[in-house]
Amino acid sequence: MAQPCRGFEGAGSGYNRPMTERAEITVQENAGQQRYEASLEAGVVAGLAEYEDLDGVRVFTHTEVDDAYEGQGVGSALARGALDDVRERGLQLRAKCPFIKSYIEKHPEYADLEG
């Protein structure tokens, strides 16, 4: 089971330069590792949100953003992309991760997904 939310430990990119201007952030599911990844234009994984699927409920267990990208919208883009995917798949969610839980509290349009 994933650890509680903590600082970013890297996703193997080895690339750790802060963004100097607003880069496009792409969120994709990596089903093999049971997580969503937020990547920058250069292919750098700047954040991830781990989950477990239990009986039609996607349980978010851990979210992290590389320190170099904190405060630059990566976490919000990651949460939004992951929650939109949950909605599109017709799943419900449970937020064990404090970041995802807080995001839902600030964005009540996702509250209906909680199961």
N, C-alpha and C. Protein backbone atom coordinates (compact mmCIF):
# COMPACT_ATOMS: atom_id res chain seq x y z
N MET A 1 0.85 -1.17 0.00
CA MET A 1 0.00 0.00 0.00
C MET A 1 0.90 1.24 0.00
N ALA A 2 0.48 2.29 -0.65
CA ALA A 2 1.26 3.51 -0.75
C ALA A 2 1.37 4.20 0.60
N GLN A 3 2.45 4.92 0.76
CA GLN A 3 2.68 5.72 1.97
C GLN A 3 1.78 6.95 1.94
N PRO A 4 1.56 7.59 3.10
CA PRO A 4 0.81 8.84 3.11
C PRO A 4 1.50 9.88 2.24
N CYS A 5 0.78 10.91 1.86
CA CYS A 5 1.33 11.95 1.01
C CYS A 5 2.61 12.50 1.60
N ARG A 6 3.61 12.68 0.77
CA ARG A 6 4.89 13.18 1.22
C ARG A 6 5.55 13.90 0.05
N GLY A 7 6.76 14.36 0.24
CA GLY A 7 7.47 15.09 -0.82
C GLY A 7 7.82 14.19 -1.99
N PHE A 8 8.07 14.79 -3.11
CA PHE A 8 8.39 14.08 -4.35
C PHE A 8 9.74 13.38 -4.25
N GLU A 9 9.79 12.14 -4.63
CA GLU A 9 11.03 11.39 -4.62
C GLU A 9 11.56 11.19 -6.02
N GLY A 10 10.92 11.82 -6.98
CA GLY A 10 11.37 11.71 -8.36
C GLY A 10 10.69 10.57 -9.08
N ALA A 11 10.63 10.71 -10.37
CA ALA A 11 10.02 9.67 -11.19
C ALA A 11 11.01 9.11 -12.18
N GLY A 12 12.29 9.24 -11.85
CA GLY A 12 13.31 8.65 -12.69
C GLY A 12 13.77 9.52 -13.83
N SER A 13 13.31 10.76 -13.89
CA SER A 13 13.68 11.60 -15.02
C SER A 13 15.08 12.17 -14.87
N GLY A 14 15.51 12.43 -13.64
CA GLY A 14 16.81 13.03 -13.42
C GLY A 14 16.84 14.49 -13.82
N TYR A 15 15.75 15.02 -14.27
CA TYR A 15 15.67 16.41 -14.73
C TYR A 15 14.90 17.18 -13.69
N ASN A 16 15.52 18.18 -13.10
CA ASN A 16 14.93 18.82 -11.94
C ASN A 16 15.06 20.34 -12.00
N ARG A 17 14.83 20.94 -13.16
CA ARG A 17 14.96 22.39 -13.32
C ARG A 17 13.60 23.04 -13.17
N PRO A 18 13.50 24.12 -12.36
CA PRO A 18 12.21 24.79 -12.22
C PRO A 18 11.73 25.39 -13.54
N MET A 19 10.40 25.47 -13.67
CA MET A 19 9.82 26.10 -14.84
C MET A 19 10.01 27.61 -14.73
N THR A 20 10.42 28.24 -15.81
CA THR A 20 10.58 29.69 -15.78
C THR A 20 9.36 30.38 -16.36
N GLU A 21 8.61 29.70 -17.18
CA GLU A 21 7.34 30.23 -17.68
C GLU A 21 6.33 29.10 -17.65
N ARG A 22 5.09 29.43 -17.73
CA ARG A 22 4.02 28.44 -17.61
C ARG A 22 4.11 27.42 -18.75
N ALA A 23 4.50 26.21 -18.40
CA ALA A 23 4.60 25.13 -19.38
C ALA A 23 3.28 24.39 -19.43
N GLU A 24 3.01 23.74 -20.55
CA GLU A 24 1.82 22.93 -20.66
C GLU A 24 2.02 21.66 -19.85
N ILE A 25 1.01 21.31 -19.08
CA ILE A 25 1.06 20.13 -18.23
C ILE A 25 0.08 19.11 -18.79
N THR A 26 0.56 17.91 -19.02
CA THR A 26 -0.26 16.82 -19.53
C THR A 26 -0.43 15.78 -18.43
N VAL A 27 -1.65 15.36 -18.19
CA VAL A 27 -1.92 14.33 -17.18
C VAL A 27 -2.37 13.06 -17.89
N GLN A 28 -1.69 11.97 -17.58
CA GLN A 28 -2.02 10.68 -18.18
C GLN A 28 -2.02 9.62 -17.10
N GLU A 29 -2.88 8.63 -17.28
CA GLU A 29 -2.88 7.49 -16.38
C GLU A 29 -1.76 6.53 -16.77
N ASN A 30 -1.05 6.05 -15.79
CA ASN A 30 -0.07 4.98 -15.97
C ASN A 30 -0.66 3.79 -15.22
N ALA A 31 -1.53 3.04 -15.89
CA ALA A 31 -2.29 1.96 -15.26
C ALA A 31 -1.37 0.87 -14.70
N GLY A 32 -0.26 0.64 -15.36
CA GLY A 32 0.68 -0.38 -14.90
C GLY A 32 1.24 -0.09 -13.53
N GLN A 33 1.36 1.19 -13.19
CA GLN A 33 1.87 1.57 -11.88
C GLN A 33 0.77 2.13 -10.98
N GLN A 34 -0.46 2.04 -11.44
CA GLN A 34 -1.64 2.53 -10.72
C GLN A 34 -1.42 3.97 -10.24
N ARG A 35 -1.19 4.85 -11.21
CA ARG A 35 -1.02 6.25 -10.88
C ARG A 35 -1.27 7.13 -12.09
N TYR A 36 -1.57 8.38 -11.81
CA TYR A 36 -1.64 9.42 -12.83
C TYR A 36 -0.34 10.20 -12.76
N GLU A 37 0.16 10.61 -13.92
CA GLU A 37 1.41 11.37 -13.97
C GLU A 37 1.17 12.70 -14.66
N ALA A 38 1.71 13.75 -14.06
CA ALA A 38 1.67 15.08 -14.66
C ALA A 38 3.04 15.32 -15.29
N SER A 39 3.04 15.47 -16.61
CA SER A 39 4.29 15.65 -17.34
C SER A 39 4.33 17.02 -17.99
N LEU A 40 5.54 17.56 -18.09
CA LEU A 40 5.76 18.83 -18.76
C LEU A 40 6.04 18.59 -20.23
N GLU A 41 6.09 19.66 -21.00
CA GLU A 41 6.31 19.55 -22.44
C GLU A 41 7.55 18.74 -22.78
N ALA A 42 8.59 18.85 -21.97
CA ALA A 42 9.84 18.14 -22.24
C ALA A 42 9.77 16.67 -21.82
N GLY A 43 8.61 16.20 -21.37
CA GLY A 43 8.45 14.82 -20.97
C GLY A 43 8.85 14.55 -19.53
N VAL A 44 9.15 15.59 -18.79
CA VAL A 44 9.55 15.46 -17.39
C VAL A 44 8.32 15.18 -16.54
N VAL A 45 8.35 14.11 -15.74
CA VAL A 45 7.26 13.83 -14.82
C VAL A 45 7.48 14.71 -13.59
N ALA A 46 6.58 15.68 -13.40
CA ALA A 46 6.72 16.66 -12.33
C ALA A 46 5.86 16.31 -11.12
N GLY A 47 4.92 15.36 -11.28
CA GLY A 47 4.07 14.97 -10.17
C GLY A 47 3.32 13.70 -10.47
N LEU A 48 2.78 13.07 -9.43
CA LEU A 48 2.02 11.85 -9.61
C LEU A 48 0.98 11.71 -8.52
N ALA A 49 -0.07 10.97 -8.84
CA ALA A 49 -1.13 10.65 -7.88
C ALA A 49 -1.37 9.15 -7.95
N GLU A 50 -1.08 8.45 -6.87
CA GLU A 50 -1.23 7.00 -6.83
C GLU A 50 -2.64 6.62 -6.38
N TYR A 51 -3.10 5.48 -6.86
CA TYR A 51 -4.44 5.01 -6.51
C TYR A 51 -4.48 3.50 -6.43
N GLU A 52 -5.56 3.00 -5.85
CA GLU A 52 -5.90 1.59 -5.87
C GLU A 52 -7.35 1.50 -6.30
N ASP A 53 -7.71 0.50 -7.08
CA ASP A 53 -9.10 0.29 -7.47
C ASP A 53 -9.70 -0.82 -6.62
N LEU A 54 -10.81 -0.49 -5.94
CA LEU A 54 -11.49 -1.45 -5.07
C LEU A 54 -12.98 -1.41 -5.36
N ASP A 55 -13.49 -2.44 -6.02
CA ASP A 55 -14.93 -2.59 -6.28
C ASP A 55 -15.55 -1.34 -6.91
N GLY A 56 -14.95 -0.83 -7.98
CA GLY A 56 -15.51 0.31 -8.69
C GLY A 56 -15.23 1.65 -8.05
N VAL A 57 -14.40 1.65 -7.01
CA VAL A 57 -14.03 2.89 -6.33
C VAL A 57 -12.53 3.09 -6.52
N ARG A 58 -12.15 4.23 -7.05
CA ARG A 58 -10.73 4.57 -7.21
C ARG A 58 -10.31 5.30 -5.93
N VAL A 59 -9.42 4.66 -5.18
CA VAL A 59 -8.97 5.18 -3.89
C VAL A 59 -7.63 5.88 -4.10
N PHE A 60 -7.62 7.19 -3.93
CA PHE A 60 -6.38 7.95 -4.07
C PHE A 60 -5.61 7.89 -2.76
N THR A 61 -4.40 7.36 -2.82
CA THR A 61 -3.62 7.07 -1.62
C THR A 61 -2.46 8.03 -1.41
N HIS A 62 -1.99 8.66 -2.46
CA HIS A 62 -0.76 9.45 -2.34
C HIS A 62 -0.61 10.36 -3.55
N THR A 63 -0.26 11.61 -3.29
CA THR A 63 0.02 12.56 -4.36
C THR A 63 1.31 13.28 -4.01
N GLU A 64 2.14 13.49 -5.02
CA GLU A 64 3.38 14.23 -4.78
C GLU A 64 3.74 15.05 -6.00
N VAL A 65 4.37 16.19 -5.74
CA VAL A 65 4.88 17.08 -6.79
C VAL A 65 6.33 17.34 -6.48
N ASP A 66 7.18 17.24 -7.48
CA ASP A 66 8.60 17.55 -7.32
C ASP A 66 8.73 18.96 -6.74
N ASP A 67 9.59 19.12 -5.74
CA ASP A 67 9.79 20.42 -5.09
C ASP A 67 10.07 21.54 -6.09
N ALA A 68 10.76 21.22 -7.17
CA ALA A 68 11.12 22.24 -8.16
C ALA A 68 9.90 22.81 -8.87
N TYR A 69 8.75 22.11 -8.79
CA TYR A 69 7.57 22.54 -9.53
C TYR A 69 6.41 22.93 -8.63
N GLU A 70 6.62 22.92 -7.31
CA GLU A 70 5.55 23.31 -6.39
C GLU A 70 5.15 24.75 -6.61
N GLY A 71 3.86 25.02 -6.46
CA GLY A 71 3.36 26.37 -6.61
C GLY A 71 3.22 26.84 -8.04
N GLN A 72 3.34 25.91 -8.98
CA GLN A 72 3.29 26.28 -10.39
C GLN A 72 2.14 25.60 -11.13
N GLY A 73 1.17 25.11 -10.37
CA GLY A 73 -0.04 24.55 -10.97
C GLY A 73 0.01 23.08 -11.30
N VAL A 74 1.13 22.41 -11.01
CA VAL A 74 1.25 20.99 -11.35
C VAL A 74 0.27 20.15 -10.53
N GLY A 75 0.21 20.39 -9.23
CA GLY A 75 -0.68 19.61 -8.37
C GLY A 75 -2.14 19.78 -8.75
N SER A 76 -2.54 21.02 -9.03
CA SER A 76 -3.93 21.27 -9.42
C SER A 76 -4.26 20.61 -10.75
N ALA A 77 -3.35 20.71 -11.70
CA ALA A 77 -3.57 20.07 -13.01
C ALA A 77 -3.66 18.56 -12.85
N LEU A 78 -2.82 18.01 -12.00
CA LEU A 78 -2.81 16.57 -11.74
C LEU A 78 -4.13 16.12 -11.12
N ALA A 79 -4.57 16.83 -10.09
CA ALA A 79 -5.84 16.47 -9.44
C ALA A 79 -7.00 16.60 -10.41
N ARG A 80 -7.07 17.70 -11.13
CA ARG A 80 -8.16 17.93 -12.09
C ARG A 80 -8.18 16.83 -13.16
N GLY A 81 -7.02 16.51 -13.72
CA GLY A 81 -6.96 15.47 -14.75
C GLY A 81 -7.37 14.11 -14.23
N ALA A 82 -6.91 13.76 -13.03
CA ALA A 82 -7.25 12.47 -12.44
C ALA A 82 -8.74 12.38 -12.13
N LEU A 83 -9.29 13.44 -11.54
CA LEU A 83 -10.71 13.43 -11.18
C LEU A 83 -11.61 13.45 -12.41
N ASP A 84 -11.20 14.17 -13.45
CA ASP A 84 -11.96 14.15 -14.70
C ASP A 84 -11.97 12.74 -15.29
N ASP A 85 -10.84 12.04 -15.19
CA ASP A 85 -10.77 10.67 -15.71
C ASP A 85 -11.68 9.75 -14.91
N VAL A 86 -11.71 9.90 -13.61
CA VAL A 86 -12.61 9.10 -12.77
C VAL A 86 -14.05 9.31 -13.21
N ARG A 87 -14.42 10.56 -13.46
CA ARG A 87 -15.79 10.87 -13.91
C ARG A 87 -16.07 10.22 -15.26
N GLU A 88 -15.15 10.36 -16.20
CA GLU A 88 -15.34 9.80 -17.55
C GLU A 88 -15.49 8.29 -17.52
N ARG A 89 -14.84 7.62 -16.60
CA ARG A 89 -14.91 6.16 -16.49
C ARG A 89 -16.14 5.69 -15.71
N GLY A 90 -16.88 6.63 -15.13
CA GLY A 90 -18.06 6.27 -14.36
C GLY A 90 -17.74 5.63 -13.02
N LEU A 91 -16.57 5.93 -12.48
CA LEU A 91 -16.15 5.39 -11.19
C LEU A 91 -16.52 6.35 -10.07
N GLN A 92 -16.45 5.86 -8.87
CA GLN A 92 -16.52 6.71 -7.69
C GLN A 92 -15.11 6.79 -7.13
N LEU A 93 -14.91 7.70 -6.17
CA LEU A 93 -13.58 7.81 -5.59
C LEU A 93 -13.65 7.95 -4.08
N ARG A 94 -12.54 7.62 -3.48
CA ARG A 94 -12.33 7.88 -2.06
C ARG A 94 -10.94 8.52 -1.95
N ALA A 95 -10.88 9.62 -1.25
CA ALA A 95 -9.61 10.36 -1.13
C ALA A 95 -8.99 10.11 0.23
N LYS A 96 -8.04 9.18 0.28
CA LYS A 96 -7.25 8.96 1.50
C LYS A 96 -6.10 9.98 1.54
N CYS A 97 -5.71 10.46 0.40
CA CYS A 97 -4.62 11.43 0.29
C CYS A 97 -5.14 12.82 0.66
N PRO A 98 -4.49 13.51 1.60
CA PRO A 98 -4.94 14.84 2.00
C PRO A 98 -4.97 15.86 0.86
N PHE A 99 -4.07 15.75 -0.11
CA PHE A 99 -4.07 16.72 -1.21
C PHE A 99 -5.32 16.58 -2.06
N ILE A 100 -5.66 15.36 -2.46
CA ILE A 100 -6.85 15.14 -3.28
C ILE A 100 -8.10 15.51 -2.48
N LYS A 101 -8.13 15.15 -1.21
CA LYS A 101 -9.27 15.50 -0.35
C LYS A 101 -9.45 17.01 -0.29
N SER A 102 -8.38 17.75 -0.09
CA SER A 102 -8.43 19.21 -0.04
C SER A 102 -8.85 19.80 -1.38
N TYR A 103 -8.38 19.22 -2.48
CA TYR A 103 -8.74 19.71 -3.81
C TYR A 103 -10.25 19.58 -4.01
N ILE A 104 -10.81 18.46 -3.61
CA ILE A 104 -12.26 18.25 -3.75
C ILE A 104 -13.04 19.24 -2.89
N GLU A 105 -12.56 19.50 -1.69
CA GLU A 105 -13.23 20.47 -0.82
C GLU A 105 -13.24 21.87 -1.45
N LYS A 106 -12.17 22.22 -2.16
CA LYS A 106 -12.07 23.53 -2.80
C LYS A 106 -12.79 23.57 -4.15
N HIS A 107 -13.10 22.41 -4.70
CA HIS A 107 -13.75 22.30 -6.02
C HIS A 107 -14.95 21.36 -5.88
N PRO A 108 -16.06 21.88 -5.34
CA PRO A 108 -17.22 21.03 -5.04
C PRO A 108 -17.84 20.36 -6.26
N GLU A 109 -17.46 20.77 -7.47
CA GLU A 109 -17.98 20.10 -8.66
C GLU A 109 -17.54 18.64 -8.74
N TYR A 110 -16.56 18.24 -7.89
CA TYR A 110 -16.11 16.85 -7.86
C TYR A 110 -16.68 16.07 -6.67
N ALA A 111 -17.41 16.73 -5.79
CA ALA A 111 -17.92 16.09 -4.57
C ALA A 111 -18.84 14.91 -4.89
N ASP A 112 -19.55 14.96 -6.00
CA ASP A 112 -20.47 13.89 -6.35
C ASP A 112 -19.75 12.57 -6.68
N LEU A 113 -18.45 12.63 -6.89
CA LEU A 113 -17.69 11.42 -7.22
C LEU A 113 -17.36 10.58 -5.98
N GLU A 114 -17.43 11.21 -4.81
CA GLU A 114 -17.04 10.51 -3.59
C GLU A 114 -18.04 9.42 -3.27
N GLY A 115 -17.51 8.23 -2.99
CA GLY A 115 -18.39 7.10 -2.71
C GLY A 115 -18.02 6.39 -1.46
